[in-house]
């Protein structure tokens, strides 16, 4: 919206009339309209918490008005607007590991933030994870992490212990099932939910997958013959024996509602759904555990920068948009967002407590956390997402081998794309 000056015609008219009558008034005045910035929110669950930041910024000054919007299909809406040259001034995006975000980074649709003073307010060790090809197109806000949610009250009230290892997890699930309960709640209608559960197991077993993916791309390794990959798939399938009968017909929203209602004890998800669970049931007492491994092993957990803000290159007001990011970057302001999200913030000096994720955040202190910044090429990611549910429908070894063989073939076919992304990131 262009900056305009608005003449107060009513006052001018009164001045003229009163001059005829011999009256006198003050000279004509002008009022300046605020510069309006559009911020498109990518995550529907973030609208309320992002709104706290927007409201605080709008109250803090009288020159700029940020307007928060969201579309039913944000990714499609943004692509259409990018082609038309009508992108919003500000946009919330996932991290560089997400193919949707990488489209805008590689396409030059985001402004380079390198050199902006507000980046000094970001935890400096995180900046490599929002850097690409020598530029910083993203302002990092929060980290996400995944694991298994545990309904602590339900578990203890029914006489079960909190499992510390994979063996204990299976034994507890077996006992719950024998007692007539449902150990796990799965959102397996959604491909991404199944894929994330597999990734959580892969990371728990061996940490970051980036180096292994590089070996596959270079022809030095194969998914279908890698022991760790096969074990992760095996565990993903094994745990489904302890889920609800209609897991393949249960979508994410329904799964959140049912877990919040106390239908199951364990829910493999991540930090992004904590607030959604509490909105359904404020009395829930939850813990998010790293995916457990064998006794004597230390579980790894994957972190990634999941919520970023960016200034689009099509914005007519980049300076004002940068003022908004400078406001957001201050720890006291970022706290408005992170406290509402109950997520780990990226601002330096931000004091926060996230009790439900103590075990996951402990991995940061123990050195068993890895931050992923590079995702698989889009063709590989699309195949993984679109076909991973087949492993649950037909979990035979043939289906697993075919799936992993195709993942290997595709990653080698798009090896140049992956290796280039990996080289330019960080």
Foldseek 3Di string as FASTA:
>chain_A
DDWDKDFDVVVVVVQVVVVVVVHHDDDGDIDTQAAEFEEEEDDPVQQVLVVLLQVVVCVVDPRYHYDYDYDPHRLVVQVVCVVVLNHTQKYKFFFLQDPSVVVCVVVQFFDFCPPPPLCVQFDVVCQLLQFFQNTRFWAFWFKKWWFKKFQVCLQVVVPHDDDAAPVSLVVRLVVCVVVVAQAEEAQQLFLVRLVVQLVLQLCQVPNDCLVVLLCLLVVNDFLLPDPSNVVSLVVSLVCVVRHDPVNNVHHDLNSLLCVLVPRHGMYTDMLQCPLVSCVNPVPGDMAGARHHHHPPDGTAIEMERTIIMTGTPSDPCNVVVSVSSSSCLDLVSSCSNCVSSLGGTRGPPRDDDNPRYPNNVVCVVVVRYYYDNHHQPPVLVVLSSVCVSVCNVPVDSVSVSVSRRVSSVVSNVCVVVRVSRVVRRD
